[in-house]
């Protein structure tokens, strides 16, 4: 079998195409290498000085759930339909359990009681008494000065709040919130 010779013009075009492909590949490699070596250095990661930071203690989700369930169980033993909320030190809700038959207002009330308890590191029944001397306290957003909130502490510092709402009295709500706190002490 004899190979037919391609015309001179075709051989030049093929050769030029191959040369262009090789040149493009070489240029791509060179530019990629230049980019890697000539690029600005990555931003440096710095550590804040220890004197500029603080650590805080927070409940785990398991502990918050355990406390909420203990408060809900205590209420159910007395045939009370309540909602229980557990908030962290910053007032952010960790867990909320709405018991069967709890009223629609109980959800928000439980969260506000928990927030109030952790904010002042005191049971909300005690804080409600302070309204006589400082009635403007009730105007602070997100708070509710009714019995039913109890703080959770570690090393005498507030780390969470448990709020219960829905029972016929704040005293009962607070009794159930304290049951949640007691569950964390075991």
Protein backbone atom coordinates (compact mmCIF):
# COMPACT_ATOMS: atom_id res chain seq x y z
CA UNK A 1 0.00 0.00 0.00
CA UNK A 2 1.31 3.30 -1.04
CA UNK A 3 0.52 6.46 0.86
CA UNK A 4 -0.54 9.34 -1.22
CA UNK A 5 1.53 12.38 -0.72
CA UNK A 6 -0.45 15.36 0.54
CA UNK A 7 -0.06 18.62 -1.22
CA UNK A 8 2.53 21.00 0.17
CA UNK A 9 -0.10 23.54 1.24
CA UNK A 10 -2.01 20.92 3.36
CA UNK A 11 1.20 19.83 5.09
CA UNK A 12 1.96 23.46 6.02
CA UNK A 13 -1.54 23.98 7.46
CA UNK A 14 -1.36 20.79 9.54
CA UNK A 15 2.11 21.69 10.77
CA UNK A 16 0.93 25.19 11.70
CA UNK A 17 -2.04 23.76 13.58
CA UNK A 18 0.18 21.38 15.57
CA UNK A 19 2.61 24.20 16.35
CA UNK A 20 -0.24 26.45 17.51
CA UNK A 21 -1.60 23.71 19.81
CA UNK A 22 1.83 23.09 21.33
CA UNK A 23 2.39 26.82 21.80
CA UNK A 24 -1.01 27.28 23.44
CA UNK A 25 -0.34 24.41 25.84
CA UNK A 26 3.07 25.78 26.73
CA UNK A 27 1.65 29.27 27.28
CA UNK A 28 -1.07 27.84 29.53
CA UNK A 29 1.49 26.00 31.64
CA UNK A 30 3.69 29.07 31.87
CA UNK A 31 0.79 31.34 32.85
CA UNK A 32 -0.48 28.83 35.42
CA UNK A 33 2.98 28.63 36.96
CA UNK A 34 3.31 32.40 36.93
CA UNK A 35 -0.04 32.75 38.67
CA UNK A 36 0.96 30.35 41.40
CA UNK A 37 4.30 31.96 42.11
CA UNK A 38 3.52 35.61 41.43
CA UNK A 39 0.18 35.73 43.28
CA UNK A 40 -0.24 37.79 46.41
CA UNK A 41 0.30 35.74 49.59
CA UNK A 42 -2.82 34.39 51.31
CA UNK A 43 -4.20 36.50 54.13
CA UNK A 44 -2.39 35.77 57.36
CA UNK A 45 -4.40 34.16 60.15
CA UNK A 46 -3.87 35.89 63.46
CA UNK A 47 -4.82 34.95 66.96
CA UNK A 48 -6.37 37.44 69.34
CA UNK A 49 -4.43 37.96 72.54
CA UNK A 50 -5.77 36.01 75.49
CA UNK A 51 -6.41 39.29 77.31
CA UNK A 52 -8.88 40.24 74.53
CA UNK A 53 -11.08 37.16 74.85
CA UNK A 54 -13.32 35.50 77.35
CA UNK A 55 -14.89 32.09 77.67
CA UNK A 56 -18.40 31.28 78.72
CA UNK A 57 -20.19 28.12 79.73
CA UNK A 58 -23.23 26.95 77.79
CA UNK A 59 -25.68 24.10 78.20
CA UNK A 60 -25.45 21.33 75.67
CA UNK A 61 -28.53 20.56 73.60
CA UNK A 62 -28.83 17.28 75.53
CA UNK A 63 -28.80 19.09 78.88
CA UNK A 64 -31.30 21.69 77.69
CA UNK A 65 -33.60 18.95 76.41
CA UNK A 66 -33.26 17.03 79.67
CA UNK A 67 -34.21 20.12 81.68
CA UNK A 68 -37.15 20.96 79.43
CA UNK A 69 -38.45 17.40 79.55
CA UNK A 70 -38.16 17.32 83.36
CA UNK A 71 -40.17 20.54 83.63
CA UNK A 72 -42.80 19.24 81.19
CA UNK A 73 -43.02 15.91 83.08
CA UNK A 74 -43.52 17.76 86.38
CA UNK A 75 -46.38 19.75 84.85
CA UNK A 76 -47.99 16.66 83.31
CA UNK A 77 -47.94 14.90 86.71
CA UNK A 78 -50.20 17.69 87.92
CA UNK A 79 -52.35 17.63 84.78
CA UNK A 80 -51.09 21.01 83.62
CA UNK A 81 -50.76 21.87 79.95
CA UNK A 82 -47.69 24.02 79.54
CA UNK A 83 -44.90 25.00 77.21
CA UNK A 84 -41.28 24.92 78.39
CA UNK A 85 -38.47 26.97 76.85
CA UNK A 86 -34.76 26.85 77.60
CA UNK A 87 -32.57 29.76 76.47
CA UNK A 88 -28.81 30.19 76.58
CA UNK A 89 -26.88 32.94 78.36
CA UNK A 90 -27.50 35.29 75.45
CA UNK A 91 -31.24 34.66 75.45
CA UNK A 92 -31.21 32.48 72.34
CA UNK A 93 -33.68 29.62 72.45
CA UNK A 94 -32.01 26.22 72.72
CA UNK A 95 -35.13 24.07 72.96
CA UNK A 96 -38.87 24.54 73.37
CA UNK A 97 -41.31 21.77 74.23
CA UNK A 98 -44.99 22.50 73.83
CA UNK A 99 -47.03 20.09 75.88
CA UNK A 100 -50.22 18.54 74.55
CA UNK A 101 -53.05 21.04 74.89
CA UNK A 102 -50.85 24.01 75.85
CA UNK A 103 -52.40 27.34 74.91
CA UNK A 104 -51.08 29.34 71.95
CA UNK A 105 -49.85 32.17 74.20
CA UNK A 106 -47.72 29.79 76.27
CA UNK A 107 -44.98 29.43 73.64
CA UNK A 108 -43.95 33.09 73.57
CA UNK A 109 -44.54 33.54 77.29
CA UNK A 110 -42.26 30.62 78.17
CA UNK A 111 -39.46 32.04 76.03
CA UNK A 112 -39.82 35.50 77.55
CA UNK A 113 -39.82 34.11 81.10
CA UNK A 114 -36.67 32.11 80.37
CA UNK A 115 -35.00 35.18 78.84
CA UNK A 116 -35.97 37.33 81.83
CA UNK A 117 -34.67 34.77 84.34
CA UNK A 118 -31.26 34.43 82.67
CA UNK A 119 -30.95 38.18 82.06
CA UNK A 120 -31.26 39.02 85.75
CA UNK A 121 -30.06 35.68 87.15
CA UNK A 122 -33.15 35.47 89.31
CA UNK A 123 -36.49 33.68 89.35
CA UNK A 124 -39.11 35.75 87.58
CA UNK A 125 -41.40 35.69 90.63
CA UNK A 126 -38.74 37.69 92.51
CA UNK A 127 -38.30 40.03 89.57
CA UNK A 128 -42.06 40.65 89.41
CA UNK A 129 -41.84 42.07 92.95
CA UNK A 130 -39.26 44.61 91.75
CA UNK A 131 -41.86 46.20 89.48
CA UNK A 132 -43.28 48.00 92.53
CA UNK A 133 -40.06 50.01 92.86
CA UNK A 134 -39.18 50.10 89.15
CA UNK A 135 -42.32 49.81 87.02
CA UNK A 136 -40.37 50.64 83.85
CA UNK A 137 -38.64 47.24 83.99
CA UNK A 138 -41.65 45.75 82.22
CA UNK A 139 -40.90 47.95 79.21
CA UNK A 140 -37.62 46.15 78.40
CA UNK A 141 -38.15 44.29 75.12
CA UNK A 142 -38.38 40.51 75.29
CA UNK A 143 -39.01 40.32 79.02
CA UNK A 144 -41.97 39.04 81.01
CA UNK A 145 -42.14 39.71 84.73
CA UNK A 146 -44.47 36.91 85.76
CA UNK A 147 -43.66 33.83 87.82
CA UNK A 148 -42.48 30.89 85.76
CA UNK A 149 -38.83 31.56 84.90
CA UNK A 150 -35.80 30.15 86.69
CA UNK A 151 -32.11 30.75 85.99
CA UNK A 152 -29.54 27.99 85.52
CA UNK A 153 -26.10 28.82 86.91
CA UNK A 154 -22.59 27.43 86.80
CA UNK A 155 -19.96 28.79 89.17
CA UNK A 156 -22.52 31.38 90.34
CA UNK A 157 -22.90 32.80 86.83
CA UNK A 158 -26.08 32.53 84.77
CA UNK A 159 -25.70 30.17 81.80
CA UNK A 160 -29.33 29.54 80.84
CA UNK A 161 -32.92 30.22 81.73
CA UNK A 162 -35.91 27.90 81.89
CA UNK A 163 -39.35 29.36 81.35
CA UNK A 164 -42.70 27.64 81.79
CA UNK A 165 -46.07 29.08 80.82
CA UNK A 166 -49.60 27.79 80.67
CA UNK A 167 -50.46 26.69 84.21
CA UNK A 168 -53.17 28.67 86.04
CA UNK A 169 -50.58 30.53 88.13
CA UNK A 170 -47.04 31.78 87.90
CA UNK A 171 -46.25 29.89 91.10
CA UNK A 172 -47.06 26.58 89.40
CA UNK A 173 -45.16 27.57 86.25
CA UNK A 174 -42.12 28.41 88.37
CA UNK A 175 -42.41 25.17 90.33
CA UNK A 176 -42.13 23.29 87.03
CA UNK A 177 -39.24 25.46 85.85
CA UNK A 178 -37.39 24.66 89.08
CA UNK A 179 -37.95 20.95 88.38
CA UNK A 180 -36.07 21.52 85.12
CA UNK A 181 -33.21 23.21 86.95
CA UNK A 182 -33.11 20.36 89.51
CA UNK A 183 -32.77 17.81 86.71
CA UNK A 184 -29.49 19.45 85.73
CA UNK A 185 -28.12 19.16 89.26
CA UNK A 186 -28.27 15.36 89.19
